[in-house]
C-alpha atoms as a PDB file:
ATOM      1  CA  UNK A   1      98.799  59.657 131.128  1.00  0.00           C
ATOM      2  CA  UNK A   2      97.442  61.067 134.902  1.00  0.00           C
ATOM      3  CA  UNK A   3     101.347  60.757 135.887  1.00  0.00           C
ATOM      4  CA  UNK A   4     102.296  63.236 133.031  1.00  0.00           C
ATOM      5  CA  UNK A   5      99.681  65.591 134.278  1.00  0.00           C
ATOM      6  CA  UNK A   6     100.546  64.951 138.026  1.00  0.00           C
ATOM      7  CA  UNK A   7     103.952  65.414 136.112  1.00  0.00           C
ATOM      8  CA  UNK A   8     102.293  68.848 134.631  1.00  0.00           C
ATOM      9  CA  UNK A   9     100.661  69.168 137.223  1.00  0.00           C
ATOM     10  CA  UNK A  10     103.410  69.285 140.238  1.00  0.00           C
ATOM     11  CA  UNK A  11     105.599  71.570 137.412  1.00  0.00           C
ATOM     12  CA  UNK A  12     103.196  74.158 137.460  1.00  0.00           C
ATOM     13  CA  UNK A  13     103.399  74.278 141.017  1.00  0.00           C
ATOM     14  CA  UNK A  14     106.260  74.925 141.642  1.00  0.00           C
ATOM     15  CA  UNK A  15     106.979  78.555 141.815  1.00  0.00           C
ATOM     16  CA  UNK A  16     111.355  77.798 140.862  1.00  0.00           C
ATOM     17  CA  UNK A  17     110.588  76.109 138.094  1.00  0.00           C
ATOM     18  CA  UNK A  18     111.976  78.556 135.955  1.00  0.00           C
ATOM     19  CA  UNK A  19     111.242  79.096 132.758  1.00  0.00           C
ATOM     20  CA  UNK A  20     110.342  75.510 132.021  1.00  0.00           C
ATOM     21  CA  UNK A  21     107.445  76.194 134.191  1.00  0.00           C
ATOM     22  CA  UNK A  22     105.868  78.976 132.472  1.00  0.00           C
ATOM     23  CA  UNK A  23     106.731  77.173 129.321  1.00  0.00           C
ATOM     24  CA  UNK A  24     103.754  74.481 130.516  1.00  0.00           C
ATOM     25  CA  UNK A  25     101.431  76.858 131.985  1.00  0.00           C
ATOM     26  CA  UNK A  26     101.662  77.704 127.379  1.00  0.00           C
ATOM     27  CA  UNK A  27     100.953  74.005 126.975  1.00  0.00           C
ATOM     28  CA  UNK A  28      98.317  73.703 128.703  1.00  0.00           C
ATOM     29  CA  UNK A  29      96.669  76.902 127.823  1.00  0.00           C
ATOM     30  CA  UNK A  30      96.561  75.416 124.384  1.00  0.00           C
ATOM     31  CA  UNK A  31      95.478  72.339 125.340  1.00  0.00           C
ATOM     32  CA  UNK A  32      93.218  71.449 122.299  1.00  0.00           C
ATOM     33  CA  UNK A  33      91.143  69.469 125.259  1.00  0.00           C
ATOM     34  CA  UNK A  34      91.442  70.873 128.355  1.00  0.00           C
ATOM     35  CA  UNK A  35      93.147  74.705 127.838  1.00  0.00           C
ATOM     36  CA  UNK A  36      91.218  77.873 127.441  1.00  0.00           C
ATOM     37  CA  UNK A  37      88.987  78.587 124.846  1.00  0.00           C
ATOM     38  CA  UNK A  38      90.339  81.988 124.186  1.00  0.00           C
ATOM     39  CA  UNK A  39      94.026  81.650 124.493  1.00  0.00           C
ATOM     40  CA  UNK A  40      92.946  77.807 121.812  1.00  0.00           C
ATOM     41  CA  UNK A  41      91.330  80.091 119.533  1.00  0.00           C
ATOM     42  CA  UNK A  42      94.643  82.242 118.994  1.00  0.00           C
ATOM     43  CA  UNK A  43      97.234  82.084 116.251  1.00  0.00           C
ATOM     44  CA  UNK A  44     100.009  84.777 115.227  1.00  0.00           C
ATOM     45  CA  UNK A  45      98.019  87.393 113.301  1.00  0.00           C
ATOM     46  CA  UNK A  46      95.621  87.846 116.632  1.00  0.00           C
ATOM     47  CA  UNK A  47      98.685  87.597 118.918  1.00  0.00           C
ATOM     48  CA  UNK A  48     100.846  89.718 117.347  1.00  0.00           C
ATOM     49  CA  UNK A  49      99.670  93.168 118.694  1.00  0.00           C
ATOM     50  CA  UNK A  50     100.021  92.275 121.872  1.00  0.00           C
ATOM     51  CA  UNK A  51     103.546  91.644 121.038  1.00  0.00           C
ATOM     52  CA  UNK A  52     103.718  94.720 120.010  1.00  0.00           C
ATOM     53  CA  UNK A  53     101.872  96.281 122.583  1.00  0.00           C
ATOM     54  CA  UNK A  54     103.502  94.385 125.586  1.00  0.00           C
ATOM     55  CA  UNK A  55     107.194  95.879 124.254  1.00  0.00           C
ATOM     56  CA  UNK A  56     105.558  99.713 124.080  1.00  0.00           C
ATOM     57  CA  UNK A  57     104.490  99.056 127.289  1.00  0.00           C
ATOM     58  CA  UNK A  58     108.845  98.070 128.693  1.00  0.00           C
ATOM     59  CA  UNK A  59     110.110 101.361 127.148  1.00  0.00           C
ATOM     60  CA  UNK A  60     106.809 103.064 129.471  1.00  0.00           C
ATOM     61  CA  UNK A  61     108.312 101.690 133.048  1.00  0.00           C
ATOM     62  CA  UNK A  62     111.167 102.304 131.006  1.00  0.00           C
ATOM     63  CA  UNK A  63     110.883 105.484 131.074  1.00  0.00           C
ATOM     64  CA  UNK A  64     108.976 106.262 134.118  1.00  0.00           C
ATOM     65  CA  UNK A  65     111.491 105.024 135.780  1.00  0.00           C
ATOM     66  CA  UNK A  66     108.709 102.270 137.062  1.00  0.00           C
ATOM     67  CA  UNK A  67     111.506  99.001 138.016  1.00  0.00           C
ATOM     68  CA  UNK A  68     108.452  96.992 140.421  1.00  0.00           C
ATOM     69  CA  UNK A  69     106.370  97.160 137.455  1.00  0.00           C
ATOM     70  CA  UNK A  70     109.252  96.749 134.569  1.00  0.00           C
ATOM     71  CA  UNK A  71     109.292  93.086 136.336  1.00  0.00           C
ATOM     72  CA  UNK A  72     105.956  92.490 135.089  1.00  0.00           C
ATOM     73  CA  UNK A  73     106.601  93.647 131.720  1.00  0.00           C
ATOM     74  CA  UNK A  74     109.052  92.195 130.939  1.00  0.00           C
ATOM     75  CA  UNK A  75     107.204  88.984 132.643  1.00  0.00           C
ATOM     76  CA  UNK A  76     104.349  90.308 129.970  1.00  0.00           C
ATOM     77  CA  UNK A  77     106.996  90.107 127.172  1.00  0.00           C
ATOM     78  CA  UNK A  78     108.863  86.640 127.748  1.00  0.00           C
ATOM     79  CA  UNK A  79     105.915  85.143 127.608  1.00  0.00           C
ATOM     80  CA  UNK A  80     104.214  86.645 123.892  1.00  0.00           C
ATOM     81  CA  UNK A  81     106.904  85.014 122.891  1.00  0.00           C
ATOM     82  CA  UNK A  82     106.216  81.631 124.094  1.00  0.00           C
ATOM     83  CA  UNK A  83     102.902  82.131 123.252  1.00  0.00           C
ATOM     84  CA  UNK A  84     104.610  82.112 119.932  1.00  0.00           C
ATOM     85  CA  UNK A  85     106.710  79.286 120.367  1.00  0.00           C
ATOM     86  CA  UNK A  86     104.243  76.770 121.365  1.00  0.00           C
ATOM     87  CA  UNK A  87     101.940  78.265 118.150  1.00  0.00           C
ATOM     88  CA  UNK A  88     105.150  77.132 115.876  1.00  0.00           C
ATOM     89  CA  UNK A  89     105.216  74.366 117.561  1.00  0.00           C
ATOM     90  CA  UNK A  90     102.077  73.101 117.426  1.00  0.00           C
ATOM     91  CA  UNK A  91     102.837  73.329 113.486  1.00  0.00           C
ATOM     92  CA  UNK A  92     105.918  71.789 113.035  1.00  0.00           C
ATOM     93  CA  UNK A  93     108.222  75.216 112.896  1.00  0.00           C
ATOM     94  CA  UNK A  94     110.123  74.742 116.369  1.00  0.00           C
ATOM     95  CA  UNK A  95     109.019  74.734 119.368  1.00  0.00           C
ATOM     96  CA  UNK A  96     110.662  77.414 122.466  1.00  0.00           C
ATOM     97  CA  UNK A  97     114.151  75.609 123.157  1.00  0.00           C
ATOM     98  CA  UNK A  98     114.655  76.425 119.316  1.00  0.00           C
ATOM     99  CA  UNK A  99     113.983  79.499 119.457  1.00  0.00           C
ATOM    100  CA  UNK A 100     116.984  80.180 122.893  1.00  0.00           C
ATOM    101  CA  UNK A 101     119.016  78.295 120.594  1.00  0.00           C
ATOM    102  CA  UNK A 102     118.890  80.385 118.034  1.00  0.00           C
ATOM    103  CA  UNK A 103     119.775  83.651 120.282  1.00  0.00           C
ATOM    104  CA  UNK A 104     122.237  82.125 121.205  1.00  0.00           C
ATOM    105  CA  UNK A 105     124.225  81.168 118.662  1.00  0.00           C
ATOM    106  CA  UNK A 106     123.502  84.679 116.991  1.00  0.00           C
ATOM    107  CA  UNK A 107     124.923  86.184 120.195  1.00  0.00           C
ATOM    108  CA  UNK A 108     128.108  83.550 120.535  1.00  0.00           C
ATOM    109  CA  UNK A 109     128.683  84.665 116.910  1.00  0.00           C
ATOM    110  CA  UNK A 110     127.924  88.599 116.481  1.00  0.00           C
ATOM    111  CA  UNK A 111     130.019  89.132 119.758  1.00  0.00           C
ATOM    112  CA  UNK A 112     133.937  87.564 118.700  1.00  0.00           C
ATOM    113  CA  UNK A 113     135.735  89.924 121.331  1.00  0.00           C
ATOM    114  CA  UNK A 114     134.048  88.507 123.479  1.00  0.00           C
ATOM    115  CA  UNK A 115     133.555  84.736 122.866  1.00  0.00           C
ATOM    116  CA  UNK A 116     136.199  84.669 120.070  1.00  0.00           C
ATOM    117  CA  UNK A 117     139.958  85.232 119.421  1.00  0.00           C
ATOM    118  CA  UNK A 118     139.232  88.799 118.741  1.00  0.00           C
ATOM    119  CA  UNK A 119     140.549  91.940 121.266  1.00  0.00           C
ATOM    120  CA  UNK A 120     137.748  93.155 122.989  1.00  0.00           C
ATOM    121  CA  UNK A 121     140.275  96.916 123.607  1.00  0.00           C
ATOM    122  CA  UNK A 122     137.853  98.091 120.989  1.00  0.00           C
ATOM    123  CA  UNK A 123     135.302 101.876 121.092  1.00  0.00           C
ATOM    124  CA  UNK A 124     131.840 101.036 121.006  1.00  0.00           C
ATOM    125  CA  UNK A 125     131.743 102.946 117.795  1.00  0.00           C
ATOM    126  CA  UNK A 126     133.352  99.907 116.422  1.00  0.00           C
ATOM    127  CA  UNK A 127     131.926  97.188 117.605  1.00  0.00           C
ATOM    128  CA  UNK A 128     128.832  99.298 116.022  1.00  0.00           C
ATOM    129  CA  UNK A 129     130.685  99.053 113.002  1.00  0.00           C
ATOM    130  CA  UNK A 130     131.828  95.607 112.993  1.00  0.00           C
ATOM    131  CA  UNK A 131     128.251  94.236 114.898  1.00  0.00           C
ATOM    132  CA  UNK A 132     126.604  95.748 111.220  1.00  0.00           C
ATOM    133  CA  UNK A 133     129.177  94.044 109.069  1.00  0.00           C
ATOM    134  CA  UNK A 134     128.582  90.982 110.879  1.00  0.00           C
ATOM    135  CA  UNK A 135     124.653  91.370 110.345  1.00  0.00           C
ATOM    136  CA  UNK A 136     125.268  92.038 106.729  1.00  0.00           C
ATOM    137  CA  UNK A 137     126.779  88.671 105.944  1.00  0.00           C
ATOM    138  CA  UNK A 138     123.647  87.177 107.719  1.00  0.00           C
ATOM    139  CA  UNK A 139     121.632  89.018 105.486  1.00  0.00           C
ATOM    140  CA  UNK A 140     123.141  87.582 102.395  1.00  0.00           C
ATOM    141  CA  UNK A 141     123.047  84.749 103.305  1.00  0.00           C
ATOM    142  CA  UNK A 142     119.672  84.682 103.034  1.00  0.00           C
ATOM    143  CA  UNK A 143     119.848  86.198  99.995  1.00  0.00           C
ATOM    144  CA  UNK A 144     119.126  89.446 100.661  1.00  0.00           C
ATOM    145  CA  UNK A 145     121.423  91.544  99.106  1.00  0.00           C
ATOM    146  CA  UNK A 146     119.714  94.904  98.946  1.00  0.00           C
ATOM    147  CA  UNK A 147     120.692  97.972 101.081  1.00  0.00           C
ATOM    148  CA  UNK A 148     117.130  97.947 102.361  1.00  0.00           C
ATOM    149  CA  UNK A 149     116.802  94.540 102.344  1.00  0.00           C
ATOM    150  CA  UNK A 150     115.690  92.852 105.620  1.00  0.00           C
ATOM    151  CA  UNK A 151     113.940  95.750 107.951  1.00  0.00           C
ATOM    152  CA  UNK A 152     111.091  94.577 108.684  1.00  0.00           C
ATOM    153  CA  UNK A 153     107.365  95.989 107.038  1.00  0.00           C
ATOM    154  CA  UNK A 154     105.699  95.654 110.665  1.00  0.00           C
ATOM    155  CA  UNK A 155     107.816  97.947 112.752  1.00  0.00           C
ATOM    156  CA  UNK A 156     106.455 101.314 113.669  1.00  0.00           C
ATOM    157  CA  UNK A 157     106.679 103.816 111.285  1.00  0.00           C
ATOM    158  CA  UNK A 158     108.689 106.660 113.091  1.00  0.00           C
ATOM    159  CA  UNK A 159     112.142 103.597 113.426  1.00  0.00           C
ATOM    160  CA  UNK A 160     111.334 102.026 110.074  1.00  0.00           C
ATOM    161  CA  UNK A 161     111.842 105.505 108.815  1.00  0.00           C
ATOM    162  CA  UNK A 162     115.370 106.041 110.701  1.00  0.00           C
ATOM    163  CA  UNK A 163     115.951 102.317 109.528  1.00  0.00           C
ATOM    164  CA  UNK A 164     116.296 102.681 106.289  1.00  0.00           C
ATOM    165  CA  UNK A 165     117.477 106.084 106.275  1.00  0.00           C
ATOM    166  CA  UNK A 166     120.730 104.039 108.220  1.00  0.00           C
ATOM    167  CA  UNK A 167     120.863 102.159 105.370  1.00  0.00           C
ATOM    168  CA  UNK A 168     120.895 104.429 103.171  1.00  0.00           C
ATOM    169  CA  UNK A 169     123.202 106.206 104.546  1.00  0.00           C
ATOM    170  CA  UNK A 170     126.084 104.068 105.371  1.00  0.00           C
ATOM    171  CA  UNK A 171     126.231 103.645 101.725  1.00  0.00           C
ATOM    172  CA  UNK A 172     127.296 107.168 100.781  1.00  0.00           C
ATOM    173  CA  UNK A 173     122.899 107.858 100.104  1.00  0.00           C
ATOM    174  CA  UNK A 174     122.421 110.630 102.782  1.00  0.00           C
ATOM    175  CA  UNK A 175     122.534 114.381 103.395  1.00  0.00           C
ATOM    176  CA  UNK A 176     125.529 115.657 104.017  1.00  0.00           C
ATOM    177  CA  UNK A 177     124.530 118.064 106.997  1.00  0.00           C
ATOM    178  CA  UNK A 178     121.932 119.021 108.780  1.00  0.00           C
ATOM    179  CA  UNK A 179     121.554 122.135 106.894  1.00  0.00           C
ATOM    180  CA  UNK A 180     119.677 120.509 103.666  1.00  0.00           C
ATOM    181  CA  UNK A 181     117.415 118.520 106.602  1.00  0.00           C
ATOM    182  CA  UNK A 182     116.119 121.311 107.493  1.00  0.00           C
ATOM    183  CA  UNK A 183     115.442 123.388 103.920  1.00  0.00           C
ATOM    184  CA  UNK A 184     113.805 119.887 102.829  1.00  0.00           C
ATOM    185  CA  UNK A 185     111.354 120.677 106.389  1.00  0.00           C
ATOM    186  CA  UNK A 186     110.178 122.914 105.558  1.00  0.00           C
ATOM    187  CA  UNK A 187     109.657 123.114 101.914  1.00  0.00           C
ATOM    188  CA  UNK A 188     107.992 119.787 101.813  1.00  0.00           C
ATOM    189  CA  UNK A 189     105.493 122.010 104.296  1.00  0.00           C
ATOM    190  CA  UNK A 190     105.397 124.610 101.968  1.00  0.00           C
ATOM    191  CA  UNK A 191     104.093 122.142  99.724  1.00  0.00           C
ATOM    192  CA  UNK A 192     101.318 120.541 101.746  1.00  0.00           C
ATOM    193  CA  UNK A 193     100.367 123.109 103.218  1.00  0.00           C
ATOM    194  CA  UNK A 194     100.001 125.843 100.028  1.00  0.00           C
ATOM    195  CA  UNK A 195      98.432 122.355  98.411  1.00  0.00           C
ATOM    196  CA  UNK A 196      96.434 121.160 100.554  1.00  0.00           C
ATOM    197  CA  UNK A 197      93.443 122.788  99.405  1.00  0.00           C
ATOM    198  CA  UNK A 198      93.337 120.766  95.968  1.00  0.00           C
ATOM    199  CA  UNK A 199      94.507 117.876  96.877  1.00  0.00           C
ATOM    200  CA  UNK A 200      93.022 114.143  97.667  1.00  0.00           C
ATOM    201  CA  UNK A 201      93.137 113.147 100.467  1.00  0.00           C
ATOM    202  CA  UNK A 202      95.011 110.833  99.478  1.00  0.00           C
ATOM    203  CA  UNK A 203      97.791 113.113  98.088  1.00  0.00           C
ATOM    204  CA  UNK A 204      97.811 114.846 101.435  1.00  0.00           C
ATOM    205  CA  UNK A 205      98.788 112.128 103.093  1.00  0.00           C
ATOM    206  CA  UNK A 206     101.492 111.185 101.077  1.00  0.00           C
ATOM    207  CA  UNK A 207     102.851 115.347 101.629  1.00  0.00           C
ATOM    208  CA  UNK A 208     102.481 114.841 105.099  1.00  0.00           C
ATOM    209  CA  UNK A 209     104.791 110.656 105.136  1.00  0.00           C
ATOM    210  CA  UNK A 210     106.849 112.890 103.293  1.00  0.00           C
ATOM    211  CA  UNK A 211     107.311 115.640 105.382  1.00  0.00           C
ATOM    212  CA  UNK A 212     106.791 112.504 108.160  1.00  0.00           C
ATOM    213  CA  UNK A 213     109.805 111.541 106.375  1.00  0.00           C
ATOM    214  CA  UNK A 214     112.382 114.222 106.509  1.00  0.00           C
ATOM    215  CA  UNK A 215     111.929 114.716 109.506  1.00  0.00           C
ATOM    216  CA  UNK A 216     112.871 111.553 110.626  1.00  0.00           C
ATOM    217  CA  UNK A 217     115.918 112.365 108.858  1.00  0.00           C
ATOM    218  CA  UNK A 218     116.161 115.367 110.649  1.00  0.00           C
ATOM    219  CA  UNK A 219     115.847 113.049 114.126  1.00  0.00           C
ATOM    220  CA  UNK A 220     118.949 110.814 113.224  1.00  0.00           C
ATOM    221  CA  UNK A 221     120.803 113.552 111.515  1.00  0.00           C
ATOM    222  CA  UNK A 222     121.258 114.867 115.881  1.00  0.00           C
ATOM    223  CA  UNK A 223     120.843 111.812 117.532  1.00  0.00           C
ATOM    224  CA  UNK A 224     117.825 112.373 118.481  1.00  0.00           C
ATOM    225  CA  UNK A 225     115.592 108.333 118.293  1.00  0.00           C
ATOM    226  CA  UNK A 226     112.294 110.106 116.956  1.00  0.00           C
ATOM    227  CA  UNK A 227     110.118 107.581 118.637  1.00  0.00           C
ATOM    228  CA  UNK A 228     111.654 108.396 121.875  1.00  0.00           C
ATOM    229  CA  UNK A 229     111.306 111.553 121.393  1.00  0.00           C
ATOM    230  CA  UNK A 230     107.682 111.739 119.805  1.00  0.00           C
ATOM    231  CA  UNK A 231     106.111 109.361 123.405  1.00  0.00           C
ATOM    232  CA  UNK A 232     108.967 112.472 124.964  1.00  0.00           C
ATOM    233  CA  UNK A 233     106.148 114.929 123.888  1.00  0.00           C
ATOM    234  CA  UNK A 234     102.807 112.512 125.045  1.00  0.00           C
ATOM    235  CA  UNK A 235     103.403 112.511 127.984  1.00  0.00           C
ATOM    236  CA  UNK A 236     104.460 115.489 128.078  1.00  0.00           C
ATOM    237  CA  UNK A 237     101.356 116.688 126.459  1.00  0.00           C
ATOM    238  CA  UNK A 238      99.763 113.954 128.449  1.00  0.00           C
ATOM    239  CA  UNK A 239     101.024 115.977 132.175  1.00  0.00           C
ATOM    240  CA  UNK A 240      99.679 119.608 131.250  1.00  0.00           C
ATOM    241  CA  UNK A 241      96.479 117.878 129.677  1.00  0.00           C
ATOM    242  CA  UNK A 242      95.574 116.715 133.211  1.00  0.00           C
ATOM    243  CA  UNK A 243      96.588 119.797 134.618  1.00  0.00           C
ATOM    244  CA  UNK A 244      94.801 121.871 132.671  1.00  0.00           C
ATOM    245  CA  UNK A 245      91.350 119.444 133.466  1.00  0.00           C
ATOM    246  CA  UNK A 246      92.754 119.121 137.656  1.00  0.00           C
ATOM    247  CA  UNK A 247      92.558 123.705 137.757  1.00  0.00           C
ATOM    248  CA  UNK A 248      88.951 122.959 136.365  1.00  0.00           C
ATOM    249  CA  UNK A 249      88.068 121.023 138.414  1.00  0.00           C
ATOM    250  CA  UNK A 250      89.267 122.973 141.639  1.00  0.00           C
ATOM    251  CA  UNK A 251      86.116 125.556 140.105  1.00  0.00           C
ATOM    252  CA  UNK A 252      83.913 121.726 139.539  1.00  0.00           C
ATOM    253  CA  UNK A 253      83.566 122.347 135.711  1.00  0.00           C
ATOM    254  CA  UNK A 254      85.333 120.469 133.293  1.00  0.00           C
ATOM    255  CA  UNK A 255      86.893 121.254 129.606  1.00  0.00           C
ATOM    256  CA  UNK A 256      83.843 121.523 127.296  1.00  0.00           C
ATOM    257  CA  UNK A 257      83.368 124.165 129.695  1.00  0.00           C
ATOM    258  CA  UNK A 258      86.139 126.375 129.075  1.00  0.00           C
ATOM    259  CA  UNK A 259      87.414 128.030 126.207  1.00  0.00           C
ATOM    260  CA  UNK A 260      90.760 127.666 124.101  1.00  0.00           C
ATOM    261  CA  UNK A 261      91.637 130.762 125.724  1.00  0.00           C
ATOM    262  CA  UNK A 262      91.218 130.410 129.222  1.00  0.00           C
ATOM    263  CA  UNK A 263      93.111 126.484 129.308  1.00  0.00           C
ATOM    264  CA  UNK A 264      95.455 127.802 126.905  1.00  0.00           C
ATOM    265  CA  UNK A 265      96.695 129.983 130.071  1.00  0.00           C
ATOM    266  CA  UNK A 266      96.229 126.927 132.087  1.00  0.00           C
ATOM    267  CA  UNK A 267      98.560 124.954 130.289  1.00  0.00           C
ATOM    268  CA  UNK A 268     101.660 127.723 130.550  1.00  0.00           C
ATOM    269  CA  UNK A 269     100.966 127.625 134.201  1.00  0.00           C
ATOM    270  CA  UNK A 270     102.086 124.538 134.317  1.00  0.00           C
ATOM    271  CA  UNK A 271     104.581 124.511 131.384  1.00  0.00           C
ATOM    272  CA  UNK A 272     105.946 126.908 133.980  1.00  0.00           C
ATOM    273  CA  UNK A 273     105.947 124.407 136.726  1.00  0.00           C
ATOM    274  CA  UNK A 274     107.624 122.220 135.889  1.00  0.00           C
ATOM    275  CA  UNK A 275     110.644 124.410 134.195  1.00  0.00           C
ATOM    276  CA  UNK A 276     110.575 126.007 138.143  1.00  0.00           C
END
């Protein structure tokens, strides 16, 4: 036991040990006797939100081109995979090595033009089509026969809407152009505005969902990722509102000491500076 612990300590302290070091660190954190109480107390459900958060932090670093931060964020995301795999191993489901093997096998199987006999002289569009064919076969093997089967429920809502619409479009269930989508947006928006005073809150939420779903469809027709577009809008709003705060701070004031007309003017000034 002492020898095993010494070997574990040596691995953990070896900065060149690679992924094996991280796997061992996770095992020690989850050790029921000597591990970290917080890590020991976690399960798949409690860790899942952190996994999603880390993925978004990776996307945020990429959006900001913060490459030094990206290195750390990718590490945080990798740690989430190791965490889940460790819990799965403890429960007897699978180990981290099985995760690595599964994704490696999948990548080889889905790229016969790289690892097999097929020609790699294909357009990116043809490769996407081939990829979807392979994925369809994989879903069939899992008895996922419906067009929409396999679209994860836990995805962010806008992203899932996009994926559901893409799946339906492949079998012809789609508007032929953006004109019909825009007409539907106007229709849904008018219905929501006209009826919101007479609807229950649950019905308002339902109508709002319809409008957002059609907005996602417009993004798809325009070849825009709605999640990325909304993140961009959030970042823009944050920049401009902080500019308002900074301008007011020069006079020793805060937003609550101002009014809408003044803040709107400061917003337009910040907007003009960005476009200059």
